[in-house]
Amino acid sequence: MANKVGGAFATGASISSGKEVTILTIVGAMLLNQMIVVSGGGGFSASATTGPTSPGIDDKELADARDLGKRVAEVARYTASLKCANECESCKAAMIQWADVLDPPEPVAEADRKPDHSG
């Protein structure tokens, strides 16, 4: 499982039902297997309360789960492009795009701009 991307999601019957501990245990297992752990959603990750007295998955829980899935997919796509960046043109283009997103160029303050004397 080394270098695979993963995220943790847990459900529980009530608000205080050990979802955080479950997520941390899943994350620990991923780290032991040398996986790349991605977070998303809430403080730890995404979770939902689904017990018999729960009204069902609410909009925030669903949005957190989708955000986690999207983030796992984004990081997986990025790491896959790293593997073959030297082998194909589409991956080279993706790497350039990701580099701009992850490390955008610093804006130059107006006072630091050099005057243009070319014309």
PDB file of N, CA and C in Angstrom:
ATOM      1  N   MET A   1       0.804  -1.198   0.000  1.00  0.00           N
ATOM      2  CA  MET A   1       0.000   0.000   0.000  1.00  0.00           C
ATOM      3  C   MET A   1       0.856   1.275   0.000  1.00  0.00           C
ATOM      4  N   ALA A   2       2.156   1.118  -0.015  1.00  0.00           N
ATOM      5  CA  ALA A   2       3.041   2.277   0.035  1.00  0.00           C
ATOM      6  C   ALA A   2       2.736   3.239  -1.104  1.00  0.00           C
ATOM      7  N   ASN A   3       2.681   4.513  -0.765  1.00  0.00           N
ATOM      8  CA  ASN A   3       2.462   5.619  -1.691  1.00  0.00           C
ATOM      9  C   ASN A   3       1.076   5.654  -2.315  1.00  0.00           C
ATOM     10  N   LYS A   4       0.145   4.855  -1.826  1.00  0.00           N
ATOM     11  CA  LYS A   4      -1.258   4.966  -2.239  1.00  0.00           C
ATOM     12  C   LYS A   4      -1.880   6.093  -1.425  1.00  0.00           C
ATOM     13  N   VAL A   5      -2.876   6.746  -1.993  1.00  0.00           N
ATOM     14  CA  VAL A   5      -3.537   7.861  -1.332  1.00  0.00           C
ATOM     15  C   VAL A   5      -4.807   7.355  -0.662  1.00  0.00           C
ATOM     16  N   GLY A   6      -5.052   7.798   0.564  1.00  0.00           N
ATOM     17  CA  GLY A   6      -6.261   7.387   1.271  1.00  0.00           C
ATOM     18  C   GLY A   6      -6.763   8.448   2.218  1.00  0.00           C
ATOM     19  N   GLY A   7      -8.042   8.361   2.515  1.00  0.00           N
ATOM     20  CA  GLY A   7      -8.684   9.230   3.486  1.00  0.00           C
ATOM     21  C   GLY A   7      -9.596   8.391   4.354  1.00  0.00           C
ATOM     22  N   ALA A   8      -9.948   8.890   5.514  1.00  0.00           N
ATOM     23  CA  ALA A   8     -10.777   8.130   6.450  1.00  0.00           C
ATOM     24  C   ALA A   8     -12.145   8.775   6.602  1.00  0.00           C
ATOM     25  N   PHE A   9     -13.167   7.923   6.643  1.00  0.00           N
ATOM     26  CA  PHE A   9     -14.552   8.338   6.854  1.00  0.00           C
ATOM     27  C   PHE A   9     -15.159   7.382   7.867  1.00  0.00           C
ATOM     28  N   ALA A  10     -15.919   7.892   8.824  1.00  0.00           N
ATOM     29  CA  ALA A  10     -16.545   7.030   9.829  1.00  0.00           C
ATOM     30  C   ALA A  10     -17.983   7.462  10.068  1.00  0.00           C
ATOM     31  N   THR A  11     -18.805   6.488  10.399  1.00  0.00           N
ATOM     32  CA  THR A  11     -20.168   6.774  10.820  1.00  0.00           C
ATOM     33  C   THR A  11     -20.355   6.232  12.224  1.00  0.00           C
ATOM     34  N   GLY A  12     -21.310   6.790  12.940  1.00  0.00           N
ATOM     35  CA  GLY A  12     -21.619   6.330  14.285  1.00  0.00           C
ATOM     36  C   GLY A  12     -23.079   6.571  14.588  1.00  0.00           C
ATOM     37  N   ALA A  13     -23.586   5.855  15.584  1.00  0.00           N
ATOM     38  CA  ALA A  13     -25.001   5.927  15.916  1.00  0.00           C
ATOM     39  C   ALA A  13     -25.391   7.229  16.602  1.00  0.00           C
ATOM     40  N   SER A  14     -24.424   7.876  17.249  1.00  0.00           N
ATOM     41  CA  SER A  14     -24.742   9.128  17.929  1.00  0.00           C
ATOM     42  C   SER A  14     -23.575  10.100  17.769  1.00  0.00           C
ATOM     43  N   ILE A  15     -23.780  11.308  18.257  1.00  0.00           N
ATOM     44  CA  ILE A  15     -22.763  12.343  18.084  1.00  0.00           C
ATOM     45  C   ILE A  15     -21.454  11.948  18.762  1.00  0.00           C
ATOM     46  N   SER A  16     -21.517  11.427  19.971  1.00  0.00           N
ATOM     47  CA  SER A  16     -20.302  11.036  20.704  1.00  0.00           C
ATOM     48  C   SER A  16     -20.159   9.517  20.696  1.00  0.00           C
ATOM     49  N   SER A  17     -19.955   8.961  19.530  1.00  0.00           N
ATOM     50  CA  SER A  17     -19.913   7.496  19.426  1.00  0.00           C
ATOM     51  C   SER A  17     -18.556   6.965  18.976  1.00  0.00           C
ATOM     52  N   GLY A  18     -17.512   7.751  19.131  1.00  0.00           N
ATOM     53  CA  GLY A  18     -16.172   7.262  18.829  1.00  0.00           C
ATOM     54  C   GLY A  18     -15.732   7.419  17.388  1.00  0.00           C
ATOM     55  N   LYS A  19     -16.398   8.270  16.629  1.00  0.00           N
ATOM     56  CA  LYS A  19     -16.017   8.453  15.216  1.00  0.00           C
ATOM     57  C   LYS A  19     -14.600   8.999  15.091  1.00  0.00           C
ATOM     58  N   GLU A  20     -14.219   9.922  15.986  1.00  0.00           N
ATOM     59  CA  GLU A  20     -12.878  10.497  15.914  1.00  0.00           C
ATOM     60  C   GLU A  20     -11.816   9.433  16.160  1.00  0.00           C
ATOM     61  N   VAL A  21     -12.040   8.581  17.160  1.00  0.00           N
ATOM     62  CA  VAL A  21     -11.085   7.508  17.458  1.00  0.00           C
ATOM     63  C   VAL A  21     -11.010   6.536  16.279  1.00  0.00           C
ATOM     64  N   THR A  22     -12.152   6.242  15.686  1.00  0.00           N
ATOM     65  CA  THR A  22     -12.168   5.355  14.522  1.00  0.00           C
ATOM     66  C   THR A  22     -11.358   5.945  13.380  1.00  0.00           C
ATOM     67  N   ILE A  23     -11.554   7.232  13.107  1.00  0.00           N
ATOM     68  CA  ILE A  23     -10.811   7.894  12.037  1.00  0.00           C
ATOM     69  C   ILE A  23      -9.316   7.880  12.336  1.00  0.00           C
ATOM     70  N   LEU A  24      -8.936   8.178  13.579  1.00  0.00           N
ATOM     71  CA  LEU A  24      -7.515   8.159  13.932  1.00  0.00           C
ATOM     72  C   LEU A  24      -6.923   6.758  13.801  1.00  0.00           C
ATOM     73  N   THR A  25      -7.697   5.742  14.112  1.00  0.00           N
ATOM     74  CA  THR A  25      -7.224   4.362  13.974  1.00  0.00           C
ATOM     75  C   THR A  25      -7.020   4.014  12.499  1.00  0.00           C
ATOM     76  N   ILE A  26      -7.949   4.436  11.656  1.00  0.00           N
ATOM     77  CA  ILE A  26      -7.806   4.199  10.213  1.00  0.00           C
ATOM     78  C   ILE A  26      -6.574   4.931   9.684  1.00  0.00           C
ATOM     79  N   VAL A  27      -6.409   6.191  10.102  1.00  0.00           N
ATOM     80  CA  VAL A  27      -5.247   6.982   9.669  1.00  0.00           C
ATOM     81  C   VAL A  27      -3.960   6.308  10.139  1.00  0.00           C
ATOM     82  N   GLY A  28      -3.942   5.815  11.380  1.00  0.00           N
ATOM     83  CA  GLY A  28      -2.762   5.116  11.879  1.00  0.00           C
ATOM     84  C   GLY A  28      -2.419   3.903  11.041  1.00  0.00           C
ATOM     85  N   ALA A  29      -3.438   3.148  10.648  1.00  0.00           N
ATOM     86  CA  ALA A  29      -3.205   1.974   9.793  1.00  0.00           C
ATOM     87  C   ALA A  29      -2.654   2.398   8.434  1.00  0.00           C
ATOM     88  N   MET A  30      -3.165   3.495   7.891  1.00  0.00           N
ATOM     89  CA  MET A  30      -2.653   3.974   6.601  1.00  0.00           C
ATOM     90  C   MET A  30      -1.187   4.397   6.728  1.00  0.00           C
ATOM     91  N   LEU A  31      -0.859   5.079   7.807  1.00  0.00           N
ATOM     92  CA  LEU A  31       0.529   5.504   8.010  1.00  0.00           C
ATOM     93  C   LEU A  31       1.459   4.306   8.179  1.00  0.00           C
ATOM     94  N   LEU A  32       1.017   3.292   8.917  1.00  0.00           N
ATOM     95  CA  LEU A  32       1.831   2.084   9.082  1.00  0.00           C
ATOM     96  C   LEU A  32       2.101   1.397   7.748  1.00  0.00           C
ATOM     97  N   ASN A  33       1.173   1.551   6.813  1.00  0.00           N
ATOM     98  CA  ASN A  33       1.333   0.963   5.486  1.00  0.00           C
ATOM     99  C   ASN A  33       1.960   1.935   4.491  1.00  0.00           C
ATOM    100  N   GLN A  34       2.542   3.018   5.011  1.00  0.00           N
ATOM    101  CA  GLN A  34       3.264   4.011   4.207  1.00  0.00           C
ATOM    102  C   GLN A  34       2.389   4.677   3.153  1.00  0.00           C
ATOM    103  N   MET A  35       1.125   4.873   3.500  1.00  0.00           N
ATOM    104  CA  MET A  35       0.208   5.539   2.582  1.00  0.00           C
ATOM    105  C   MET A  35       0.305   7.053   2.733  1.00  0.00           C
ATOM    106  N   ILE A  36      -0.181   7.755   1.747  1.00  0.00           N
ATOM    107  CA  ILE A  36      -0.279   9.214   1.777  1.00  0.00           C
ATOM    108  C   ILE A  36      -1.679   9.527   2.303  1.00  0.00           C
ATOM    109  N   VAL A  37      -1.763  10.110   3.489  1.00  0.00           N
ATOM    110  CA  VAL A  37      -3.042  10.359   4.148  1.00  0.00           C
ATOM    111  C   VAL A  37      -3.533  11.754   3.792  1.00  0.00           C
ATOM    112  N   VAL A  38      -4.786  11.825   3.376  1.00  0.00           N
ATOM    113  CA  VAL A  38      -5.407  13.076   2.976  1.00  0.00           C
ATOM    114  C   VAL A  38      -6.579  13.350   3.916  1.00  0.00           C
ATOM    115  N   SER A  39      -6.687  14.578   4.387  1.00  0.00           N
ATOM    116  CA  SER A  39      -7.829  14.947   5.221  1.00  0.00           C
ATOM    117  C   SER A  39      -8.803  15.780   4.403  1.00  0.00           C
ATOM    118  N   GLY A  40      -9.946  15.966   4.957  1.00  0.00           N
ATOM    119  CA  GLY A  40     -10.961  16.775   4.310  1.00  0.00           C
ATOM    120  C   GLY A  40     -12.180  16.803   5.188  1.00  0.00           C
ATOM    121  N   GLY A  41     -13.150  17.563   4.788  1.00  0.00           N
ATOM    122  CA  GLY A  41     -14.360  17.604   5.596  1.00  0.00           C
ATOM    123  C   GLY A  41     -14.147  18.367   6.879  1.00  0.00           C
ATOM    124  N   GLY A  42     -14.408  17.732   8.008  1.00  0.00           N
ATOM    125  CA  GLY A  42     -14.331  18.389   9.304  1.00  0.00           C
ATOM    126  C   GLY A  42     -12.924  18.443   9.855  1.00  0.00           C
ATOM    127  N   GLY A  43     -12.820  18.596  11.160  1.00  0.00           N
ATOM    128  CA  GLY A  43     -11.524  18.745  11.818  1.00  0.00           C
ATOM    129  C   GLY A  43     -10.591  17.579  11.574  1.00  0.00           C
ATOM    130  N   PHE A  44     -11.080  16.355  11.731  1.00  0.00           N
ATOM    131  CA  PHE A  44     -10.267  15.177  11.473  1.00  0.00           C
ATOM    132  C   PHE A  44     -10.458  14.718  10.034  1.00  0.00           C
ATOM    133  N   SER A  45     -11.682  14.634   9.637  1.00  0.00           N
ATOM    134  CA  SER A  45     -12.034  14.125   8.323  1.00  0.00           C
ATOM    135  C   SER A  45     -13.541  14.217   8.213  1.00  0.00           C
ATOM    136  N   ALA A  46     -14.117  13.414   7.366  1.00  0.00           N
ATOM    137  CA  ALA A  46     -15.563  13.403   7.205  1.00  0.00           C
ATOM    138  C   ALA A  46     -16.164  12.313   8.084  1.00  0.00           C
ATOM    139  N   SER A  47     -17.358  12.592   8.626  1.00  0.00           N
ATOM    140  CA  SER A  47     -18.064  11.589   9.411  1.00  0.00           C
ATOM    141  C   SER A  47     -19.557  11.877   9.340  1.00  0.00           C
ATOM    142  N   ALA A  48     -20.335  10.907   9.770  1.00  0.00           N
ATOM    143  CA  ALA A  48     -21.781  11.072   9.765  1.00  0.00           C
ATOM    144  C   ALA A  48     -22.388  10.360  10.960  1.00  0.00           C
ATOM    145  N   THR A  49     -23.516  10.871  11.439  1.00  0.00           N
ATOM    146  CA  THR A  49     -24.270  10.246  12.509  1.00  0.00           C
ATOM    147  C   THR A  49     -25.484   9.579  11.883  1.00  0.00           C
ATOM    148  N   THR A  50     -25.581   8.266  12.056  1.00  0.00           N
ATOM    149  CA  THR A  50     -26.596   7.499  11.322  1.00  0.00           C
ATOM    150  C   THR A  50     -27.388   6.544  12.209  1.00  0.00           C
ATOM    151  N   GLY A  51     -27.498   6.830  13.493  1.00  0.00           N
ATOM    152  CA  GLY A  51     -28.196   5.929  14.410  1.00  0.00           C
ATOM    153  C   GLY A  51     -29.706   5.982  14.263  1.00  0.00           C
ATOM    154  N   PRO A  52     -30.399   5.161  15.050  1.00  0.00           N
ATOM    155  CA  PRO A  52     -31.850   5.069  14.944  1.00  0.00           C
ATOM    156  C   PRO A  52     -32.567   6.371  15.288  1.00  0.00           C
ATOM    157  N   THR A  53     -31.966   7.212  16.126  1.00  0.00           N
ATOM    158  CA  THR A  53     -32.601   8.488  16.462  1.00  0.00           C
ATOM    159  C   THR A  53     -32.093   9.631  15.588  1.00  0.00           C
ATOM    160  N   SER A  54     -31.180   9.333  14.668  1.00  0.00           N
ATOM    161  CA  SER A  54     -30.634  10.353  13.773  1.00  0.00           C
ATOM    162  C   SER A  54     -31.634  10.632  12.648  1.00  0.00           C
ATOM    163  N   PRO A  55     -31.753  11.886  12.254  1.00  0.00           N
ATOM    164  CA  PRO A  55     -32.645  12.193  11.131  1.00  0.00           C
ATOM    165  C   PRO A  55     -32.072  11.779   9.772  1.00  0.00           C
ATOM    166  N   GLY A  56     -30.884  11.209   9.772  1.00  0.00           N
ATOM    167  CA  GLY A  56     -30.226  10.835   8.521  1.00  0.00           C
ATOM    168  C   GLY A  56     -29.044  11.742   8.244  1.00  0.00           C
ATOM    169  N   ILE A  57     -28.350  11.466   7.187  1.00  0.00           N
ATOM    170  CA  ILE A  57     -27.170  12.258   6.838  1.00  0.00           C
ATOM    171  C   ILE A  57     -27.622  13.649   6.422  1.00  0.00           C
ATOM    172  N   ASP A  58     -27.056  14.659   7.081  1.00  0.00           N
ATOM    173  CA  ASP A  58     -27.450  16.031   6.751  1.00  0.00           C
ATOM    174  C   ASP A  58     -26.564  16.599   5.647  1.00  0.00           C
ATOM    175  N   ASP A  59     -26.888  17.797   5.203  1.00  0.00           N
ATOM    176  CA  ASP A  59     -26.181  18.420   4.083  1.00  0.00           C
ATOM    177  C   ASP A  59     -24.704  18.648   4.391  1.00  0.00           C
ATOM    178  N   LYS A  60     -24.374  19.025   5.640  1.00  0.00           N
ATOM    179  CA  LYS A  60     -22.972  19.260   5.995  1.00  0.00           C
ATOM    180  C   LYS A  60     -22.183  17.954   5.965  1.00  0.00           C
ATOM    181  N   GLU A  61     -22.740  16.883   6.509  1.00  0.00           N
ATOM    182  CA  GLU A  61     -22.051  15.598   6.499  1.00  0.00           C
ATOM    183  C   GLU A  61     -21.815  15.123   5.065  1.00  0.00           C
ATOM    184  N   LEU A  62     -22.829  15.294   4.234  1.00  0.00           N
ATOM    185  CA  LEU A  62     -22.699  14.904   2.829  1.00  0.00           C
ATOM    186  C   LEU A  62     -21.649  15.756   2.114  1.00  0.00           C
ATOM    187  N   ALA A  63     -21.648  17.064   2.380  1.00  0.00           N
ATOM    188  CA  ALA A  63     -20.657  17.956   1.764  1.00  0.00           C
ATOM    189  C   ALA A  63     -19.246  17.601   2.238  1.00  0.00           C
ATOM    190  N   ASP A  64     -19.109  17.287   3.542  1.00  0.00           N
ATOM    191  CA  ASP A  64     -17.796  16.897   4.067  1.00  0.00           C
ATOM    192  C   ASP A  64     -17.295  15.621   3.393  1.00  0.00           C
ATOM    193  N   ALA A  65     -18.181  14.645   3.207  1.00  0.00           N
ATOM    194  CA  ALA A  65     -17.799  13.387   2.558  1.00  0.00           C
ATOM    195  C   ALA A  65     -17.390  13.635   1.108  1.00  0.00           C
ATOM    196  N   ARG A  66     -18.142  14.469   0.424  1.00  0.00           N
ATOM    197  CA  ARG A  66     -17.791  14.792  -0.972  1.00  0.00           C
ATOM    198  C   ARG A  66     -16.462  15.529  -1.044  1.00  0.00           C
ATOM    199  N   ASP A  67     -16.249  16.469  -0.113  1.00  0.00           N
ATOM    200  CA  ASP A  67     -14.977  17.207  -0.085  1.00  0.00           C
ATOM    201  C   ASP A  67     -13.805  16.252   0.138  1.00  0.00           C
ATOM    202  N   LEU A  68     -13.984  15.291   1.042  1.00  0.00           N
ATOM    203  CA  LEU A  68     -12.924  14.315   1.290  1.00  0.00           C
ATOM    204  C   LEU A  68     -12.656  13.488   0.037  1.00  0.00           C
ATOM    205  N   GLY A  69     -13.703  13.002  -0.602  1.00  0.00           N
ATOM    206  CA  GLY A  69     -13.530  12.218  -1.828  1.00  0.00           C
ATOM    207  C   GLY A  69     -12.859  13.017  -2.927  1.00  0.00           C
ATOM    208  N   LYS A  70     -13.256  14.267  -3.064  1.00  0.00           N
ATOM    209  CA  LYS A  70     -12.648  15.135  -4.081  1.00  0.00           C
ATOM    210  C   LYS A  70     -11.167  15.341  -3.788  1.00  0.00           C
ATOM    211  N   ARG A  71     -10.844  15.565  -2.517  1.00  0.00           N
ATOM    212  CA  ARG A  71      -9.446  15.805  -2.142  1.00  0.00           C
ATOM    213  C   ARG A  71      -8.590  14.561  -2.356  1.00  0.00           C
ATOM    214  N   VAL A  72      -9.118  13.387  -2.007  1.00  0.00           N
ATOM    215  CA  VAL A  72      -8.390  12.138  -2.244  1.00  0.00           C
ATOM    216  C   VAL A  72      -8.138  11.969  -3.739  1.00  0.00           C
ATOM    217  N   ALA A  73      -9.162  12.234  -4.555  1.00  0.00           N
ATOM    218  CA  ALA A  73      -9.002  12.106  -6.011  1.00  0.00           C
ATOM    219  C   ALA A  73      -7.974  13.102  -6.549  1.00  0.00           C
ATOM    220  N   GLU A  74      -8.007  14.344  -6.057  1.00  0.00           N
ATOM    221  CA  GLU A  74      -7.044  15.356  -6.516  1.00  0.00           C
ATOM    222  C   GLU A  74      -5.611  14.951  -6.185  1.00  0.00           C
ATOM    223  N   VAL A  75      -5.384  14.503  -4.958  1.00  0.00           N
ATOM    224  CA  VAL A  75      -4.029  14.127  -4.551  1.00  0.00           C
ATOM    225  C   VAL A  75      -3.588  12.864  -5.296  1.00  0.00           C
ATOM    226  N   ALA A  76      -4.502  11.924  -5.489  1.00  0.00           N
ATOM    227  CA  ALA A  76      -4.167  10.714  -6.243  1.00  0.00           C
ATOM    228  C   ALA A  76      -3.795  11.066  -7.682  1.00  0.00           C
ATOM    229  N   ARG A  77      -4.539  11.976  -8.283  1.00  0.00           N
ATOM    230  CA  ARG A  77      -4.234  12.406  -9.655  1.00  0.00           C
ATOM    231  C   ARG A  77      -2.868  13.092  -9.702  1.00  0.00           C
ATOM    232  N   TYR A  78      -2.605  13.915  -8.703  1.00  0.00           N
ATOM    233  CA  TYR A  78      -1.319  14.615  -8.649  1.00  0.00           C
ATOM    234  C   TYR A  78      -0.165  13.635  -8.486  1.00  0.00           C
ATOM    235  N   THR A  79      -0.290  12.688  -7.566  1.00  0.00           N
ATOM    236  CA  THR A  79       0.796  11.734  -7.357  1.00  0.00           C
ATOM    237  C   THR A  79       0.979  10.827  -8.565  1.00  0.00           C
ATOM    238  N   ALA A  80      -0.113  10.491  -9.249  1.00  0.00           N
ATOM    239  CA  ALA A  80       0.009   9.679 -10.464  1.00  0.00           C
ATOM    240  C   ALA A  80       0.761  10.448 -11.542  1.00  0.00           C
ATOM    241  N   SER A  81       0.512  11.759 -11.624  1.00  0.00           N
ATOM    242  CA  SER A  81       1.210  12.550 -12.636  1.00  0.00           C
ATOM    243  C   SER A  81       2.696  12.673 -12.301  1.00  0.00           C
ATOM    244  N   LEU A  82       3.047  12.612 -11.017  1.00  0.00           N
ATOM    245  CA  LEU A  82       4.462  12.642 -10.638  1.00  0.00           C
ATOM    246  C   LEU A  82       5.192  11.404 -11.155  1.00  0.00           C
ATOM    247  N   LYS A  83       4.510  10.260 -11.140  1.00  0.00           N
ATOM    248  CA  LYS A  83       5.139   8.999 -11.526  1.00  0.00           C
ATOM    249  C   LYS A  83       5.559   8.989 -12.990  1.00  0.00           C
ATOM    250  N   CYS A  84       4.761   9.621 -13.835  1.00  0.00           N
ATOM    251  CA  CYS A  84       5.109   9.540 -15.254  1.00  0.00           C
ATOM    252  C   CYS A  84       5.369  10.921 -15.862  1.00  0.00           C
ATOM    253  N   ALA A  85       5.729  11.885 -15.028  1.00  0.00           N
ATOM    254  CA  ALA A  85       5.944  13.246 -15.526  1.00  0.00           C
ATOM    255  C   ALA A  85       7.021  13.311 -16.590  1.00  0.00           C
ATOM    256  N   ASN A  86       7.953  12.402 -16.544  1.00  0.00           N
ATOM    257  CA  ASN A  86       9.012  12.402 -17.541  1.00  0.00           C
ATOM    258  C   ASN A  86       8.682  11.537 -18.744  1.00  0.00           C
ATOM    259  N   GLU A  87       7.517  10.885 -18.727  1.00  0.00           N
ATOM    260  CA  GLU A  87       7.201   9.937 -19.781  1.00  0.00           C
ATOM    261  C   GLU A  87       6.140  10.405 -20.770  1.00  0.00           C
ATOM    262  N   CYS A  88       5.239  11.291 -20.366  1.00  0.00           N
ATOM    263  CA  CYS A  88       4.195  11.686 -21.314  1.00  0.00           C
ATOM    264  C   CYS A  88       3.907  13.186 -21.226  1.00  0.00           C
ATOM    265  N   GLU A  89       3.493  13.748 -22.330  1.00  0.00           N
ATOM    266  CA  GLU A  89       3.273  15.191 -22.431  1.00  0.00           C
ATOM    267  C   GLU A  89       2.105  15.661 -21.575  1.00  0.00           C
ATOM    268  N   SER A  90       1.022  14.864 -21.488  1.00  0.00           N
ATOM    269  CA  SER A  90      -0.129  15.304 -20.705  1.00  0.00           C
ATOM    270  C   SER A  90       0.227  15.394 -19.223  1.00  0.00           C
ATOM    271  N   CYS A  91       1.076  14.489 -18.741  1.00  0.00           N
ATOM    272  CA  CYS A  91       1.498  14.545 -17.338  1.00  0.00           C
ATOM    273  C   CYS A  91       2.444  15.713 -17.095  1.00  0.00           C
ATOM    274  N   LYS A  92       3.288  16.007 -18.051  1.00  0.00           N
ATOM    275  CA  LYS A  92       4.158  17.181 -17.907  1.00  0.00           C
ATOM    276  C   LYS A  92       3.309  18.444 -17.798  1.00  0.00           C
ATOM    277  N   ALA A  93       2.260  18.532 -18.617  1.00  0.00           N
ATOM    278  CA  ALA A  93       1.370  19.690 -18.572  1.00  0.00           C
ATOM    279  C   ALA A  93       0.644  19.754 -17.230  1.00  0.00           C
ATOM    280  N   ALA A  94       0.218  18.601 -16.727  1.00  0.00           N
ATOM    281  CA  ALA A  94      -0.458  18.555 -15.429  1.00  0.00           C
ATOM    282  C   ALA A  94       0.475  19.003 -14.316  1.00  0.00           C
ATOM    283  N   MET A  95       1.738  18.601 -14.386  1.00  0.00           N
ATOM    284  CA  MET A  95       2.704  18.993 -13.362  1.00  0.00           C
ATOM    285  C   MET A  95       2.905  20.505 -13.353  1.00  0.00           C
ATOM    286  N   ILE A  96       2.956  21.102 -14.522  1.00  0.00           N
ATOM    287  CA  ILE A  96       3.112  22.551 -14.605  1.00  0.00           C
ATOM    288  C   ILE A  96       1.894  23.231 -13.991  1.00  0.00           C
ATOM    289  N   GLN A  97       0.695  22.713 -14.303  1.00  0.00           N
ATOM    290  CA  GLN A  97      -0.530  23.278 -13.753  1.00  0.00           C
ATOM    291  C   GLN A  97      -0.554  23.141 -12.229  1.00  0.00           C
ATOM    292  N   TRP A  98      -0.207  21.958 -11.714  1.00  0.00           N
ATOM    293  CA  TRP A  98      -0.189  21.745 -10.260  1.00  0.00           C
ATOM    294  C   TRP A  98       0.855  22.627  -9.599  1.00  0.00           C
ATOM    295  N   ALA A  99       1.996  22.813 -10.208  1.00  0.00           N
ATOM    296  CA  ALA A  99       3.036  23.650  -9.620  1.00  0.00           C
ATOM    297  C   ALA A  99       2.515  25.071  -9.436  1.00  0.00           C
ATOM    298  N   ASP A 100       1.761  25.562 -10.403  1.00  0.00           N
ATOM    299  CA  ASP A 100       1.195  26.906 -10.293  1.00  0.00           C
ATOM    300  C   ASP A 100       0.146  26.989  -9.197  1.00  0.00           C
ATOM    301  N   VAL A 101      -0.622  25.916  -9.001  1.00  0.00           N
ATOM    302  CA  VAL A 101      -1.656  25.905  -7.971  1.00  0.00           C
ATOM    303  C   VAL A 101      -1.024  25.796  -6.586  1.00  0.00           C
ATOM    304  N   LEU A 102      -0.077  24.876  -6.428  1.00  0.00           N
ATOM    305  CA  LEU A 102       0.525  24.632  -5.124  1.00  0.00           C
ATOM    306  C   LEU A 102       1.527  25.696  -4.714  1.00  0.00           C
ATOM    307  N   ASP A 103       2.189  26.303  -5.661  1.00  0.00           N
ATOM    308  CA  ASP A 103       3.206  27.306  -5.362  1.00  0.00           C
ATOM    309  C   ASP A 103       3.065  28.456  -6.349  1.00  0.00           C
ATOM    310  N   PRO A 104       1.992  29.251  -6.192  1.00  0.00           N
ATOM    311  CA  PRO A 104       1.793  30.337  -7.156  1.00  0.00           C
ATOM    312  C   PRO A 104       2.899  31.370  -7.061  1.00  0.00           C
ATOM    313  N   PRO A 105       3.198  32.026  -8.175  1.00  0.00           N
ATOM    314  CA  PRO A 105       4.235  33.054  -8.132  1.00  0.00           C
ATOM    315  C   PRO A 105       3.819  34.192  -7.202  1.00  0.00           C
ATOM    316  N   GLU A 106       4.785  34.741  -6.505  1.00  0.00           N
ATOM    317  CA  GLU A 106       4.514  35.848  -5.588  1.00  0.00           C
ATOM    318  C   GLU A 106       4.144  37.093  -6.391  1.00  0.00           C
ATOM    319  N   PRO A 107       3.083  37.787  -5.974  1.00  0.00           N
ATOM    320  CA  PRO A 107       2.769  39.039  -6.670  1.00  0.00           C
ATOM    321  C   PRO A 107       3.838  40.083  -6.371  1.00  0.00           C
ATOM    322  N   VAL A 108       4.123  40.890  -7.339  1.00  0.00           N
ATOM    323  CA  VAL A 108       5.131  41.938  -7.175  1.00  0.00           C
ATOM    324  C   VAL A 108       4.409  43.219  -6.758  1.00  0.00           C
ATOM    325  N   ALA A 109       4.835  43.778  -5.635  1.00  0.00           N
ATOM    326  CA  ALA A 109       4.230  45.013  -5.156  1.00  0.00           C
ATOM    327  C   ALA A 109       4.518  46.139  -6.134  1.00  0.00           C
ATOM    328  N   GLU A 110       3.587  47.046  -6.249  1.00  0.00           N
ATOM    329  CA  GLU A 110       3.722  48.156  -7.203  1.00  0.00           C
ATOM    330  C   GLU A 110       5.004  48.941  -6.951  1.00  0.00           C
ATOM    331  N   ALA A 111       5.370  49.130  -5.675  1.00  0.00           N
ATOM    332  CA  ALA A 111       6.574  49.892  -5.350  1.00  0.00           C
ATOM    333  C   ALA A 111       7.837  49.161  -5.754  1.00  0.00           C
ATOM    334  N   ASP A 112       7.783  47.818  -5.879  1.00  0.00           N
ATOM    335  CA  ASP A 112       8.960  47.032  -6.228  1.00  0.00           C
ATOM    336  C   ASP A 112       9.127  46.821  -7.728  1.00  0.00           C
ATOM    337  N   ARG A 113       8.157  47.247  -8.497  1.00  0.00           N
ATOM    338  CA  ARG A 113       8.256  47.050  -9.949  1.00  0.00           C
ATOM    339  C   ARG A 113       9.308  47.980 -10.523  1.00  0.00           C
ATOM    340  N   LYS A 114      10.059  47.442 -11.461  1.00  0.00           N
ATOM    341  CA  LYS A 114      11.080  48.261 -12.131  1.00  0.00           C
ATOM    342  C   LYS A 114      10.406  49.041 -13.246  1.00  0.00           C
ATOM    343  N   PRO A 115      10.764  50.279 -13.421  1.00  0.00           N
ATOM    344  CA  PRO A 115      10.151  51.065 -14.490  1.00  0.00           C
ATOM    345  C   PRO A 115      10.549  50.503 -15.865  1.00  0.00           C
ATOM    346  N   ASP A 116       9.615  50.583 -16.777  1.00  0.00           N
ATOM    347  CA  ASP A 116       9.846  50.096 -18.129  1.00  0.00           C
ATOM    348  C   ASP A 116      10.354  51.266 -18.977  1.00  0.00           C
ATOM    349  N   HIS A 117      11.635  51.219 -19.357  1.00  0.00           N
ATOM    350  CA  HIS A 117      12.234  52.290 -20.150  1.00  0.00           C
ATOM    351  C   HIS A 117      12.414  51.878 -21.606  1.00  0.00           C
ATOM    352  N   SER A 118      11.664  50.869 -22.029  1.00  0.00           N
ATOM    353  CA  SER A 118      11.867  50.360 -23.374  1.00  0.00           C
ATOM    354  C   SER A 118      11.203  51.200 -24.445  1.00  0.00           C
ATOM    355  N   GLY A 119      10.293  52.025 -24.096  1.00  0.00           N
ATOM    356  CA  GLY A 119       9.621  52.704 -25.190  1.00  0.00           C
ATOM    357  C   GLY A 119       9.278  54.063 -24.859  1.00  0.00           C
TER     358      GLY A 119
END
